[in-house]
């Protein structure tokens, strides 16, 4: 997904809220479905041995060290032809911080365009 050219909404999915997000997705909530899908894709990449780091620090994820939260970017204008969502993992240590800190650090470390979400944007 090319996030450099799209305006996005930002969602923060923490591990303790996982059941709620799954229930919403199973009930047909499109945003929840896309967030769960994006997080699942990131977890699959980790399980396949791809190098995935915490979006807020340099912690590497593996089968023993998994994200405790996900920052998910969903394009505002959705393409009916393809699913667009991008998830970034957050480690346990960084998850101890508040939501705004996670967004500030996570989005700052991502190389996003000026049209992409900024740290002052509302969390959805």
PDB file of N, CA and C in Angstrom:
ATOM      1  N   UNK A   1       0.839  -1.176   0.000  1.00  0.00           N
ATOM      2  CA  UNK A   1       0.000   0.000   0.000  1.00  0.00           C
ATOM      3  C   UNK A   1       0.884   1.239   0.000  1.00  0.00           C
ATOM      4  N   UNK A   2       0.637   2.136  -0.893  1.00  0.00           N
ATOM      5  CA  UNK A   2       1.436   3.349  -1.008  1.00  0.00           C
ATOM      6  C   UNK A   2       0.810   4.437  -0.138  1.00  0.00           C
ATOM      7  N   UNK A   3       1.303   4.563   1.097  1.00  0.00           N
ATOM      8  CA  UNK A   3       0.749   5.530   2.028  1.00  0.00           C
ATOM      9  C   UNK A   3       1.267   6.941   1.739  1.00  0.00           C
ATOM     10  N   UNK A   4       2.288   7.067   0.901  1.00  0.00           N
ATOM     11  CA  UNK A   4       2.866   8.369   0.624  1.00  0.00           C
ATOM     12  C   UNK A   4       1.912   9.289  -0.115  1.00  0.00           C
ATOM     13  N   UNK A   5       0.948   8.739  -0.821  1.00  0.00           N
ATOM     14  CA  UNK A   5       0.086   9.583  -1.645  1.00  0.00           C
ATOM     15  C   UNK A   5      -1.367   9.600  -1.167  1.00  0.00           C
ATOM     16  N   UNK A   6      -1.630   9.081   0.027  1.00  0.00           N
ATOM     17  CA  UNK A   6      -3.003   8.991   0.489  1.00  0.00           C
ATOM     18  C   UNK A   6      -3.185   9.639   1.852  1.00  0.00           C
ATOM     19  N   UNK A   7      -4.332  10.290   2.032  1.00  0.00           N
ATOM     20  CA  UNK A   7      -4.712  10.761   3.345  1.00  0.00           C
ATOM     21  C   UNK A   7      -5.352   9.597   4.075  1.00  0.00           C
ATOM     22  N   UNK A   8      -5.016   9.459   5.355  1.00  0.00           N
ATOM     23  CA  UNK A   8      -5.478   8.297   6.107  1.00  0.00           C
ATOM     24  C   UNK A   8      -6.107   8.677   7.441  1.00  0.00           C
ATOM     25  N   UNK A   9      -6.917   7.772   7.941  1.00  0.00           N
ATOM     26  CA  UNK A   9      -7.398   7.832   9.316  1.00  0.00           C
ATOM     27  C   UNK A   9      -6.493   6.900  10.113  1.00  0.00           C
ATOM     28  N   UNK A  10      -6.292   7.244  11.364  1.00  0.00           N
ATOM     29  CA  UNK A  10      -5.398   6.474  12.217  1.00  0.00           C
ATOM     30  C   UNK A  10      -6.218   5.786  13.300  1.00  0.00           C
ATOM     31  N   UNK A  11      -5.982   4.496  13.476  1.00  0.00           N
ATOM     32  CA  UNK A  11      -6.652   3.717  14.513  1.00  0.00           C
ATOM     33  C   UNK A  11      -5.589   3.037  15.363  1.00  0.00           C
ATOM     34  N   UNK A  12      -5.816   3.010  16.651  1.00  0.00           N
ATOM     35  CA  UNK A  12      -4.904   2.347  17.570  1.00  0.00           C
ATOM     36  C   UNK A  12      -5.629   1.160  18.177  1.00  0.00           C
ATOM     37  N   UNK A  13      -5.096  -0.031  17.951  1.00  0.00           N
ATOM     38  CA  UNK A  13      -5.698  -1.261  18.451  1.00  0.00           C
ATOM     39  C   UNK A  13      -4.723  -1.864  19.460  1.00  0.00           C
ATOM     40  N   UNK A  14      -5.089  -1.816  20.729  1.00  0.00           N
ATOM     41  CA  UNK A  14      -4.253  -2.388  21.794  1.00  0.00           C
ATOM     42  C   UNK A  14      -4.697  -3.813  22.096  1.00  0.00           C
ATOM     43  N   UNK A  15      -3.768  -4.635  22.533  1.00  0.00           N
ATOM     44  CA  UNK A  15      -4.033  -6.050  22.826  1.00  0.00           C
ATOM     45  C   UNK A  15      -5.241  -6.233  23.768  1.00  0.00           C
ATOM     46  N   UNK A  16      -5.370  -5.445  24.860  1.00  0.00           N
ATOM     47  CA  UNK A  16      -6.537  -5.633  25.749  1.00  0.00           C
ATOM     48  C   UNK A  16      -7.879  -5.379  25.058  1.00  0.00           C
ATOM     49  N   UNK A  17      -7.865  -4.637  23.964  1.00  0.00           N
ATOM     50  CA  UNK A  17      -9.098  -4.323  23.233  1.00  0.00           C
ATOM     51  C   UNK A  17      -9.347  -5.271  22.062  1.00  0.00           C
ATOM     52  N   UNK A  18      -8.511  -6.275  21.926  1.00  0.00           N
ATOM     53  CA  UNK A  18      -8.565  -7.178  20.774  1.00  0.00           C
ATOM     54  C   UNK A  18      -9.931  -7.854  20.625  1.00  0.00           C
ATOM     55  N   UNK A  19     -10.492  -8.350  21.711  1.00  0.00           N
ATOM     56  CA  UNK A  19     -11.793  -9.040  21.627  1.00  0.00           C
ATOM     57  C   UNK A  19     -12.893  -8.102  21.140  1.00  0.00           C
ATOM     58  N   UNK A  20     -12.845  -6.863  21.615  1.00  0.00           N
ATOM     59  CA  UNK A  20     -13.842  -5.878  21.184  1.00  0.00           C
ATOM     60  C   UNK A  20     -13.729  -5.620  19.681  1.00  0.00           C
ATOM     61  N   UNK A  21     -12.494  -5.453  19.184  1.00  0.00           N
ATOM     62  CA  UNK A  21     -12.281  -5.225  17.750  1.00  0.00           C
ATOM     63  C   UNK A  21     -12.738  -6.435  16.944  1.00  0.00           C
ATOM     64  N   UNK A  22     -12.423  -7.640  17.421  1.00  0.00           N
ATOM     65  CA  UNK A  22     -12.850  -8.856  16.718  1.00  0.00           C
ATOM     66  C   UNK A  22     -14.373  -8.970  16.688  1.00  0.00           C
ATOM     67  N   UNK A  23     -15.026  -8.657  17.800  1.00  0.00           N
ATOM     68  CA  UNK A  23     -16.490  -8.720  17.854  1.00  0.00           C
ATOM     69  C   UNK A  23     -17.100  -7.728  16.866  1.00  0.00           C
ATOM     70  N   UNK A  24     -16.554  -6.516  16.818  1.00  0.00           N
ATOM     71  CA  UNK A  24     -17.055  -5.517  15.871  1.00  0.00           C
ATOM     72  C   UNK A  24     -16.850  -5.988  14.428  1.00  0.00           C
ATOM     73  N   UNK A  25     -15.676  -6.565  14.157  1.00  0.00           N
ATOM     74  CA  UNK A  25     -15.391  -7.062  12.810  1.00  0.00           C
ATOM     75  C   UNK A  25     -16.371  -8.174  12.429  1.00  0.00           C
ATOM     76  N   UNK A  26     -16.601  -9.099  13.358  1.00  0.00           N
ATOM     77  CA  UNK A  26     -17.526 -10.209  13.097  1.00  0.00           C
ATOM     78  C   UNK A  26     -18.968  -9.738  12.943  1.00  0.00           C
ATOM     79  N   UNK A  27     -19.286  -8.577  13.545  1.00  0.00           N
ATOM     80  CA  UNK A  27     -20.636  -8.018  13.437  1.00  0.00           C
ATOM     81  C   UNK A  27     -20.806  -7.201  12.154  1.00  0.00           C
ATOM     82  N   UNK A  28     -19.728  -7.078  11.368  1.00  0.00           N
ATOM     83  CA  UNK A  28     -19.837  -6.392  10.093  1.00  0.00           C
ATOM     84  C   UNK A  28     -19.283  -4.982  10.053  1.00  0.00           C
ATOM     85  N   UNK A  29     -18.676  -4.521  11.124  1.00  0.00           N
ATOM     86  CA  UNK A  29     -18.085  -3.174  11.133  1.00  0.00           C
ATOM     87  C   UNK A  29     -16.892  -3.160  10.180  1.00  0.00           C
ATOM     88  N   UNK A  30     -17.000  -2.366   9.112  1.00  0.00           N
ATOM     89  CA  UNK A  30     -15.981  -2.356   8.055  1.00  0.00           C
ATOM     90  C   UNK A  30     -14.627  -1.860   8.553  1.00  0.00           C
ATOM     91  N   UNK A  31     -14.613  -0.818   9.365  1.00  0.00           N
ATOM     92  CA  UNK A  31     -13.351  -0.286   9.896  1.00  0.00           C
ATOM     93  C   UNK A  31     -12.677  -1.336  10.765  1.00  0.00           C
ATOM     94  N   UNK A  32     -13.432  -1.951  11.653  1.00  0.00           N
ATOM     95  CA  UNK A  32     -12.862  -2.997  12.516  1.00  0.00           C
ATOM     96  C   UNK A  32     -12.339  -4.161  11.680  1.00  0.00           C
ATOM     97  N   UNK A  33     -13.080  -4.531  10.651  1.00  0.00           N
ATOM     98  CA  UNK A  33     -12.652  -5.637   9.791  1.00  0.00           C
ATOM     99  C   UNK A  33     -11.314  -5.320   9.133  1.00  0.00           C
ATOM    100  N   UNK A  34     -11.168  -4.099   8.618  1.00  0.00           N
ATOM    101  CA  UNK A  34      -9.914  -3.711   7.967  1.00  0.00           C
ATOM    102  C   UNK A  34      -8.757  -3.621   8.968  1.00  0.00           C
ATOM    103  N   UNK A  35      -9.036  -3.124  10.170  1.00  0.00           N
ATOM    104  CA  UNK A  35      -7.980  -3.045  11.191  1.00  0.00           C
ATOM    105  C   UNK A  35      -7.509  -4.433  11.600  1.00  0.00           C
ATOM    106  N   UNK A  36      -8.455  -5.340  11.808  1.00  0.00           N
ATOM    107  CA  UNK A  36      -8.104  -6.724  12.173  1.00  0.00           C
ATOM    108  C   UNK A  36      -7.351  -7.390  11.028  1.00  0.00           C
ATOM    109  N   UNK A  37      -7.792  -7.156   9.803  1.00  0.00           N
ATOM    110  CA  UNK A  37      -7.123  -7.725   8.626  1.00  0.00           C
ATOM    111  C   UNK A  37      -5.681  -7.236   8.530  1.00  0.00           C
ATOM    112  N   UNK A  38      -5.468  -5.929   8.703  1.00  0.00           N
ATOM    113  CA  UNK A  38      -4.124  -5.357   8.609  1.00  0.00           C
ATOM    114  C   UNK A  38      -3.222  -5.900   9.725  1.00  0.00           C
ATOM    115  N   UNK A  39      -3.751  -5.984  10.935  1.00  0.00           N
ATOM    116  CA  UNK A  39      -2.968  -6.519  12.058  1.00  0.00           C
ATOM    117  C   UNK A  39      -2.627  -7.991  11.819  1.00  0.00           C
ATOM    118  N   UNK A  40      -3.576  -8.736  11.276  1.00  0.00           N
ATOM    119  CA  UNK A  40      -3.337 -10.164  10.976  1.00  0.00           C
ATOM    120  C   UNK A  40      -2.238 -10.316   9.923  1.00  0.00           C
ATOM    121  N   UNK A  41      -2.250  -9.455   8.921  1.00  0.00           N
ATOM    122  CA  UNK A  41      -1.196  -9.511   7.901  1.00  0.00           C
ATOM    123  C   UNK A  41       0.172  -9.236   8.502  1.00  0.00           C
ATOM    124  N   UNK A  42       0.249  -8.282   9.420  1.00  0.00           N
ATOM    125  CA  UNK A  42       1.532  -7.992  10.069  1.00  0.00           C
ATOM    126  C   UNK A  42       1.979  -9.187  10.906  1.00  0.00           C
ATOM    127  N   UNK A  43       1.061  -9.791  11.636  1.00  0.00           N
ATOM    128  CA  UNK A  43       1.411 -10.974  12.448  1.00  0.00           C
ATOM    129  C   UNK A  43       1.868 -12.127  11.554  1.00  0.00           C
ATOM    130  N   UNK A  44       1.241 -12.292  10.404  1.00  0.00           N
ATOM    131  CA  UNK A  44       1.647 -13.341   9.464  1.00  0.00           C
ATOM    132  C   UNK A  44       3.076 -13.085   8.977  1.00  0.00           C
ATOM    133  N   UNK A  45       3.396 -11.842   8.671  1.00  0.00           N
ATOM    134  CA  UNK A  45       4.751 -11.488   8.216  1.00  0.00           C
ATOM    135  C   UNK A  45       5.773 -11.817   9.300  1.00  0.00           C
ATOM    136  N   UNK A  46       5.434 -11.526  10.547  1.00  0.00           N
ATOM    137  CA  UNK A  46       6.339 -11.836  11.655  1.00  0.00           C
ATOM    138  C   UNK A  46       6.529 -13.338  11.764  1.00  0.00           C
ATOM    139  N   UNK A  47       5.435 -14.100  11.678  1.00  0.00           N
ATOM    140  CA  UNK A  47       5.529 -15.564  11.796  1.00  0.00           C
ATOM    141  C   UNK A  47       6.305 -16.194  10.647  1.00  0.00           C
ATOM    142  N   UNK A  48       6.360 -15.506   9.502  1.00  0.00           N
ATOM    143  CA  UNK A  48       7.119 -16.002   8.353  1.00  0.00           C
ATOM    144  C   UNK A  48       8.585 -15.580   8.407  1.00  0.00           C
ATOM    145  N   UNK A  49       8.972 -14.901   9.485  1.00  0.00           N
ATOM    146  CA  UNK A  49      10.367 -14.547   9.666  1.00  0.00           C
ATOM    147  C   UNK A  49      10.801 -13.224   9.062  1.00  0.00           C
ATOM    148  N   UNK A  50       9.860 -12.449   8.553  1.00  0.00           N
ATOM    149  CA  UNK A  50      10.230 -11.131   8.015  1.00  0.00           C
ATOM    150  C   UNK A  50      10.661 -10.218   9.146  1.00  0.00           C
ATOM    151  N   UNK A  51      11.611  -9.352   8.873  1.00  0.00           N
ATOM    152  CA  UNK A  51      12.080  -8.399   9.872  1.00  0.00           C
ATOM    153  C   UNK A  51      11.038  -7.299  10.036  1.00  0.00           C
ATOM    154  N   UNK A  52      10.429  -7.274  11.192  1.00  0.00           N
ATOM    155  CA  UNK A  52       9.440  -6.260  11.524  1.00  0.00           C
ATOM    156  C   UNK A  52       9.859  -5.671  12.862  1.00  0.00           C
ATOM    157  N   UNK A  53       9.949  -4.355  12.920  1.00  0.00           N
ATOM    158  CA  UNK A  53      10.351  -3.674  14.149  1.00  0.00           C
ATOM    159  C   UNK A  53       9.192  -2.856  14.706  1.00  0.00           C
ATOM    160  N   UNK A  54       9.283  -2.592  15.998  1.00  0.00           N
ATOM    161  CA  UNK A  54       8.329  -1.694  16.641  1.00  0.00           C
ATOM    162  C   UNK A  54       8.384  -0.359  15.915  1.00  0.00           C
ATOM    163  N   UNK A  55       7.244   0.211  15.651  1.00  0.00           N
ATOM    164  CA  UNK A  55       7.202   1.472  14.930  1.00  0.00           C
ATOM    165  C   UNK A  55       7.650   2.652  15.789  1.00  0.00           C
ATOM    166  N   UNK A  56       7.796   2.428  17.107  1.00  0.00           N
ATOM    167  CA  UNK A  56       8.199   3.504  18.015  1.00  0.00           C
ATOM    168  C   UNK A  56       9.645   3.386  18.502  1.00  0.00           C
ATOM    169  N   UNK A  57      10.257   2.220  18.338  1.00  0.00           N
ATOM    170  CA  UNK A  57      11.637   2.007  18.782  1.00  0.00           C
ATOM    171  C   UNK A  57      12.302   0.980  17.850  1.00  0.00           C
ATOM    172  N   UNK A  58      13.342   0.366  18.288  1.00  0.00           N
ATOM    173  CA  UNK A  58      14.062  -0.586  17.432  1.00  0.00           C
ATOM    174  C   UNK A  58      13.828  -2.050  17.800  1.00  0.00           C
ATOM    175  N   UNK A  59      12.881  -2.331  18.679  1.00  0.00           N
ATOM    176  CA  UNK A  59      12.613  -3.714  19.077  1.00  0.00           C
ATOM    177  C   UNK A  59      12.165  -4.528  17.865  1.00  0.00           C
ATOM    178  N   UNK A  60      12.803  -5.681  17.672  1.00  0.00           N
ATOM    179  CA  UNK A  60      12.422  -6.590  16.579  1.00  0.00           C
ATOM    180  C   UNK A  60      11.397  -7.586  17.095  1.00  0.00           C
ATOM    181  N   UNK A  61      10.414  -7.864  16.264  1.00  0.00           N
ATOM    182  CA  UNK A  61       9.405  -8.851  16.621  1.00  0.00           C
ATOM    183  C   UNK A  61       9.785 -10.217  16.071  1.00  0.00           C
ATOM    184  N   UNK A  62       9.358 -11.253  16.783  1.00  0.00           N
ATOM    185  CA  UNK A  62       9.524 -12.643  16.354  1.00  0.00           C
ATOM    186  C   UNK A  62       8.434 -13.461  17.034  1.00  0.00           C
ATOM    187  N   UNK A  63       8.507 -14.772  16.955  1.00  0.00           N
ATOM    188  CA  UNK A  63       7.436 -15.596  17.524  1.00  0.00           C
ATOM    189  C   UNK A  63       7.313 -15.445  19.037  1.00  0.00           C
ATOM    190  N   UNK A  64       8.390 -15.047  19.709  1.00  0.00           N
ATOM    191  CA  UNK A  64       8.358 -14.876  21.160  1.00  0.00           C
ATOM    192  C   UNK A  64       8.077 -13.431  21.588  1.00  0.00           C
ATOM    193  N   UNK A  65       8.334 -12.491  20.713  1.00  0.00           N
ATOM    194  CA  UNK A  65       8.134 -11.064  21.002  1.00  0.00           C
ATOM    195  C   UNK A  65       7.186 -10.507  19.940  1.00  0.00           C
ATOM    196  N   UNK A  66       5.922 -10.370  20.329  1.00  0.00           N
ATOM    197  CA  UNK A  66       4.904  -9.934  19.367  1.00  0.00           C
ATOM    198  C   UNK A  66       4.361  -8.561  19.745  1.00  0.00           C
ATOM    199  N   UNK A  67       3.817  -7.850  18.784  1.00  0.00           N
ATOM    200  CA  UNK A  67       3.253  -6.527  19.075  1.00  0.00           C
ATOM    201  C   UNK A  67       2.150  -6.597  20.125  1.00  0.00           C
ATOM    202  N   UNK A  68       2.120  -5.585  20.968  1.00  0.00           N
ATOM    203  CA  UNK A  68       1.069  -5.476  21.977  1.00  0.00           C
ATOM    204  C   UNK A  68       0.033  -4.432  21.583  1.00  0.00           C
ATOM    205  N   UNK A  69       0.296  -3.770  20.471  1.00  0.00           N
ATOM    206  CA  UNK A  69      -0.662  -2.821  19.898  1.00  0.00           C
ATOM    207  C   UNK A  69      -0.322  -2.652  18.426  1.00  0.00           C
ATOM    208  N   UNK A  70      -1.289  -2.130  17.695  1.00  0.00           N
ATOM    209  CA  UNK A  70      -1.102  -1.852  16.270  1.00  0.00           C
ATOM    210  C   UNK A  70      -1.596  -0.450  15.977  1.00  0.00           C
ATOM    211  N   UNK A  71      -0.801   0.288  15.235  1.00  0.00           N
ATOM    212  CA  UNK A  71      -1.260   1.552  14.674  1.00  0.00           C
ATOM    213  C   UNK A  71      -1.663   1.212  13.247  1.00  0.00           C
ATOM    214  N   UNK A  72      -2.927   1.443  12.939  1.00  0.00           N
ATOM    215  CA  UNK A  72      -3.457   1.064  11.626  1.00  0.00           C
ATOM    216  C   UNK A  72      -3.851   2.321  10.854  1.00  0.00           C
ATOM    217  N   UNK A  73      -3.383   2.391   9.625  1.00  0.00           N
ATOM    218  CA  UNK A  73      -3.712   3.498   8.734  1.00  0.00           C
ATOM    219  C   UNK A  73      -4.689   3.003   7.679  1.00  0.00           C
ATOM    220  N   UNK A  74      -5.821   3.690   7.581  1.00  0.00           N
ATOM    221  CA  UNK A  74      -6.821   3.365   6.563  1.00  0.00           C
ATOM    222  C   UNK A  74      -7.010   4.581   5.682  1.00  0.00           C
ATOM    223  N   UNK A  75      -6.891   4.407   4.358  1.00  0.00           N
ATOM    224  CA  UNK A  75      -7.085   5.541   3.460  1.00  0.00           C
ATOM    225  C   UNK A  75      -8.500   6.103   3.582  1.00  0.00           C
ATOM    226  N   UNK A  76      -8.603   7.408   3.520  1.00  0.00           N
ATOM    227  CA  UNK A  76      -9.919   8.053   3.580  1.00  0.00           C
ATOM    228  C   UNK A  76     -10.713   7.715   2.323  1.00  0.00           C
ATOM    229  N   UNK A  77     -10.047   7.795   1.161  1.00  0.00           N
ATOM    230  CA  UNK A  77     -10.693   7.422  -0.101  1.00  0.00           C
ATOM    231  C   UNK A  77     -10.314   5.982  -0.394  1.00  0.00           C
ATOM    232  N   UNK A  78     -11.291   5.102  -0.316  1.00  0.00           N
ATOM    233  CA  UNK A  78     -11.018   3.682  -0.509  1.00  0.00           C
ATOM    234  C   UNK A  78     -11.192   3.286  -1.961  1.00  0.00           C
ATOM    235  N   UNK A  79     -10.321   2.413  -2.416  1.00  0.00           N
ATOM    236  CA  UNK A  79     -10.371   1.877  -3.771  1.00  0.00           C
ATOM    237  C   UNK A  79     -11.179   0.581  -3.730  1.00  0.00           C
ATOM    238  N   UNK A  80     -12.256   0.534  -4.462  1.00  0.00           N
ATOM    239  CA  UNK A  80     -13.115  -0.654  -4.480  1.00  0.00           C
ATOM    240  C   UNK A  80     -12.396  -1.870  -5.053  1.00  0.00           C
ATOM    241  N   UNK A  81     -11.360  -1.646  -5.845  1.00  0.00           N
ATOM    242  CA  UNK A  81     -10.628  -2.735  -6.498  1.00  0.00           C
ATOM    243  C   UNK A  81      -9.646  -3.442  -5.570  1.00  0.00           C
ATOM    244  N   UNK A  82      -9.141  -2.715  -4.545  1.00  0.00           N
ATOM    245  CA  UNK A  82      -8.153  -3.331  -3.656  1.00  0.00           C
ATOM    246  C   UNK A  82      -8.382  -2.873  -2.226  1.00  0.00           C
ATOM    247  N   UNK A  83      -8.030  -3.757  -1.309  1.00  0.00           N
ATOM    248  CA  UNK A  83      -8.154  -3.437   0.106  1.00  0.00           C
ATOM    249  C   UNK A  83      -6.936  -2.627   0.504  1.00  0.00           C
ATOM    250  N   UNK A  84      -7.154  -1.531   1.181  1.00  0.00           N
ATOM    251  CA  UNK A  84      -6.046  -0.699   1.611  1.00  0.00           C
ATOM    252  C   UNK A  84      -6.041  -0.531   3.105  1.00  0.00           C
ATOM    253  N   UNK A  85      -4.996  -0.985   3.747  1.00  0.00           N
ATOM    254  CA  UNK A  85      -4.801  -0.799   5.179  1.00  0.00           C
ATOM    255  C   UNK A  85      -3.350  -1.121   5.465  1.00  0.00           C
ATOM    256  N   UNK A  86      -2.772  -0.403   6.396  1.00  0.00           N
ATOM    257  CA  UNK A  86      -1.373  -0.616   6.753  1.00  0.00           C
ATOM    258  C   UNK A  86      -1.267  -0.632   8.269  1.00  0.00           C
ATOM    259  N   UNK A  87      -0.734  -1.728   8.817  1.00  0.00           N
ATOM    260  CA  UNK A  87      -0.572  -1.844  10.267  1.00  0.00           C
ATOM    261  C   UNK A  87       0.900  -1.787  10.632  1.00  0.00           C
ATOM    262  N   UNK A  88       1.171  -1.136  11.744  1.00  0.00           N
ATOM    263  CA  UNK A  88       2.520  -1.071  12.309  1.00  0.00           C
ATOM    264  C   UNK A  88       2.421  -1.604  13.731  1.00  0.00           C
ATOM    265  N   UNK A  89       3.384  -2.415  14.137  1.00  0.00           N
ATOM    266  CA  UNK A  89       3.363  -3.000  15.460  1.00  0.00           C
ATOM    267  C   UNK A  89       4.022  -2.107  16.505  1.00  0.00           C
ATOM    268  N   UNK A  90       3.549  -2.250  17.742  1.00  0.00           N
ATOM    269  CA  UNK A  90       4.111  -1.525  18.880  1.00  0.00           C
ATOM    270  C   UNK A  90       4.478  -2.551  19.949  1.00  0.00           C
ATOM    271  N   UNK A  91       5.708  -2.466  20.454  1.00  0.00           N
ATOM    272  CA  UNK A  91       6.201  -3.441  21.440  1.00  0.00           C
ATOM    273  C   UNK A  91       5.597  -3.198  22.831  1.00  0.00           C
ATOM    274  N   UNK A  92       5.807  -4.155  23.728  1.00  0.00           N
ATOM    275  CA  UNK A  92       5.262  -4.084  25.085  1.00  0.00           C
ATOM    276  C   UNK A  92       5.787  -2.877  25.854  1.00  0.00           C
ATOM    277  N   UNK A  93       7.072  -2.588  25.716  1.00  0.00           N
ATOM    278  CA  UNK A  93       7.649  -1.451  26.448  1.00  0.00           C
ATOM    279  C   UNK A  93       7.035  -0.137  25.983  1.00  0.00           C
ATOM    280  N   UNK A  94       6.926   0.054  24.698  1.00  0.00           N
ATOM    281  CA  UNK A  94       6.335   1.286  24.173  1.00  0.00           C
ATOM    282  C   UNK A  94       4.845   1.372  24.505  1.00  0.00           C
ATOM    283  N   UNK A  95       4.172   0.232  24.606  1.00  0.00           N
ATOM    284  CA  UNK A  95       2.736   0.213  24.916  1.00  0.00           C
ATOM    285  C   UNK A  95       2.433   0.762  26.303  1.00  0.00           C
ATOM    286  N   UNK A  96       3.446   0.885  27.130  1.00  0.00           N
ATOM    287  CA  UNK A  96       3.242   1.454  28.463  1.00  0.00           C
ATOM    288  C   UNK A  96       2.953   2.951  28.383  1.00  0.00           C
ATOM    289  N   UNK A  97       3.262   3.542  27.241  1.00  0.00           N
ATOM    290  CA  UNK A  97       3.042   4.978  27.029  1.00  0.00           C
ATOM    291  C   UNK A  97       1.587   5.220  26.625  1.00  0.00           C
ATOM    292  N   UNK A  98       1.175   6.493  26.692  1.00  0.00           N
ATOM    293  CA  UNK A  98      -0.210   6.813  26.332  1.00  0.00           C
ATOM    294  C   UNK A  98      -0.389   6.832  24.804  1.00  0.00           C
ATOM    295  N   UNK A  99      -1.639   6.869  24.396  1.00  0.00           N
ATOM    296  CA  UNK A  99      -1.982   6.803  22.973  1.00  0.00           C
ATOM    297  C   UNK A  99      -1.301   7.900  22.156  1.00  0.00           C
ATOM    298  N   UNK A 100      -1.309   9.114  22.674  1.00  0.00           N
ATOM    299  CA  UNK A 100      -0.732  10.226  21.918  1.00  0.00           C
ATOM    300  C   UNK A 100       0.769  10.027  21.709  1.00  0.00           C
ATOM    301  N   UNK A 101       1.468   9.525  22.726  1.00  0.00           N
ATOM    302  CA  UNK A 101       2.903   9.264  22.581  1.00  0.00           C
ATOM    303  C   UNK A 101       3.134   8.226  21.488  1.00  0.00           C
ATOM    304  N   UNK A 102       2.331   7.165  21.491  1.00  0.00           N
ATOM    305  CA  UNK A 102       2.474   6.118  20.469  1.00  0.00           C
ATOM    306  C   UNK A 102       2.320   6.701  19.075  1.00  0.00           C
ATOM    307  N   UNK A 103       1.312   7.533  18.899  1.00  0.00           N
ATOM    308  CA  UNK A 103       1.098   8.141  17.584  1.00  0.00           C
ATOM    309  C   UNK A 103       2.233   9.086  17.223  1.00  0.00           C
ATOM    310  N   UNK A 104       2.641   9.915  18.175  1.00  0.00           N
ATOM    311  CA  UNK A 104       3.737  10.856  17.909  1.00  0.00           C
ATOM    312  C   UNK A 104       4.988  10.109  17.457  1.00  0.00           C
ATOM    313  N   UNK A 105       5.368   9.079  18.202  1.00  0.00           N
ATOM    314  CA  UNK A 105       6.582   8.329  17.888  1.00  0.00           C
ATOM    315  C   UNK A 105       6.416   7.468  16.637  1.00  0.00           C
ATOM    316  N   UNK A 106       5.308   6.734  16.578  1.00  0.00           N
ATOM    317  CA  UNK A 106       5.094   5.810  15.473  1.00  0.00           C
ATOM    318  C   UNK A 106       4.978   6.492  14.126  1.00  0.00           C
ATOM    319  N   UNK A 107       4.221   7.569  14.067  1.00  0.00           N
ATOM    320  CA  UNK A 107       4.036   8.256  12.801  1.00  0.00           C
ATOM    321  C   UNK A 107       5.268   9.061  12.424  1.00  0.00           C
ATOM    322  N   UNK A 108       5.984   9.559  13.416  1.00  0.00           N
ATOM    323  CA  UNK A 108       7.210  10.312  13.140  1.00  0.00           C
ATOM    324  C   UNK A 108       8.262   9.396  12.526  1.00  0.00           C
ATOM    325  N   UNK A 109       8.343   8.159  13.004  1.00  0.00           N
ATOM    326  CA  UNK A 109       9.359   7.232  12.514  1.00  0.00           C
ATOM    327  C   UNK A 109       9.024   6.674  11.134  1.00  0.00           C
ATOM    328  N   UNK A 110       7.738   6.650  10.799  1.00  0.00           N
ATOM    329  CA  UNK A 110       7.338   6.216   9.463  1.00  0.00           C
ATOM    330  C   UNK A 110       7.643   7.349   8.492  1.00  0.00           C
ATOM    331  N   UNK A 111       8.040   7.034   7.307  1.00  0.00           N
ATOM    332  CA  UNK A 111       8.286   8.080   6.308  1.00  0.00           C
ATOM    333  C   UNK A 111       7.002   8.318   5.545  1.00  0.00           C
ATOM    334  N   UNK A 112       6.180   9.183   6.108  1.00  0.00           N
ATOM    335  CA  UNK A 112       4.872   9.462   5.539  1.00  0.00           C
ATOM    336  C   UNK A 112       4.869  10.842   4.912  1.00  0.00           C
ATOM    337  N   UNK A 113       4.014  11.014   3.937  1.00  0.00           N
ATOM    338  CA  UNK A 113       3.915  12.299   3.238  1.00  0.00           C
ATOM    339  C   UNK A 113       3.177  13.321   4.094  1.00  0.00           C
ATOM    340  N   UNK A 114       3.255  14.598   3.718  1.00  0.00           N
ATOM    341  CA  UNK A 114       2.531  15.625   4.461  1.00  0.00           C
ATOM    342  C   UNK A 114       1.019  15.407   4.466  1.00  0.00           C
ATOM    343  N   UNK A 115       0.498  14.661   3.511  1.00  0.00           N
ATOM    344  CA  UNK A 115      -0.940  14.386   3.474  1.00  0.00           C
ATOM    345  C   UNK A 115      -1.324  13.236   4.389  1.00  0.00           C
ATOM    346  N   UNK A 116      -0.352  12.511   4.876  1.00  0.00           N
ATOM    347  CA  UNK A 116      -0.620  11.380   5.740  1.00  0.00           C
ATOM    348  C   UNK A 116      -0.910  11.868   7.147  1.00  0.00           C
ATOM    349  N   UNK A 117      -1.372  10.978   8.021  1.00  0.00           N
ATOM    350  CA  UNK A 117      -1.744  11.385   9.370  1.00  0.00           C
ATOM    351  C   UNK A 117      -0.560  12.015  10.101  1.00  0.00           C
ATOM    352  N   UNK A 118      -0.856  12.983  10.890  1.00  0.00           N
ATOM    353  CA  UNK A 118       0.148  13.653  11.696  1.00  0.00           C
ATOM    354  C   UNK A 118      -0.155  13.396  13.161  1.00  0.00           C
ATOM    355  N   UNK A 119       0.803  13.646  14.021  1.00  0.00           N
ATOM    356  CA  UNK A 119       0.643  13.355  15.447  1.00  0.00           C
ATOM    357  C   UNK A 119      -0.520  14.119  16.072  1.00  0.00           C
ATOM    358  N   UNK A 120      -0.912  15.255  15.521  1.00  0.00           N
ATOM    359  CA  UNK A 120      -2.005  16.032  16.078  1.00  0.00           C
ATOM    360  C   UNK A 120      -3.376  15.596  15.548  1.00  0.00           C
ATOM    361  N   UNK A 121      -3.402  14.672  14.597  1.00  0.00           N
ATOM    362  CA  UNK A 121      -4.677  14.192  14.057  1.00  0.00           C
ATOM    363  C   UNK A 121      -5.417  13.377  15.112  1.00  0.00           C
ATOM    364  N   UNK A 122      -6.729  13.336  14.996  1.00  0.00           N
ATOM    365  CA  UNK A 122      -7.555  12.620  15.944  1.00  0.00           C
ATOM    366  C   UNK A 122      -7.393  11.106  15.745  1.00  0.00           C
ATOM    367  N   UNK A 123      -7.324  10.400  16.866  1.00  0.00           N
ATOM    368  CA  UNK A 123      -7.306   8.943  16.827  1.00  0.00           C
ATOM    369  C   UNK A 123      -8.759   8.495  16.669  1.00  0.00           C
ATOM    370  N   UNK A 124      -8.994   7.578  15.757  1.00  0.00           N
ATOM    371  CA  UNK A 124     -10.361   7.087  15.553  1.00  0.00           C
ATOM    372  C   UNK A 124     -10.528   5.753  16.220  1.00  0.00           C
TER     373      UNK A 124
END
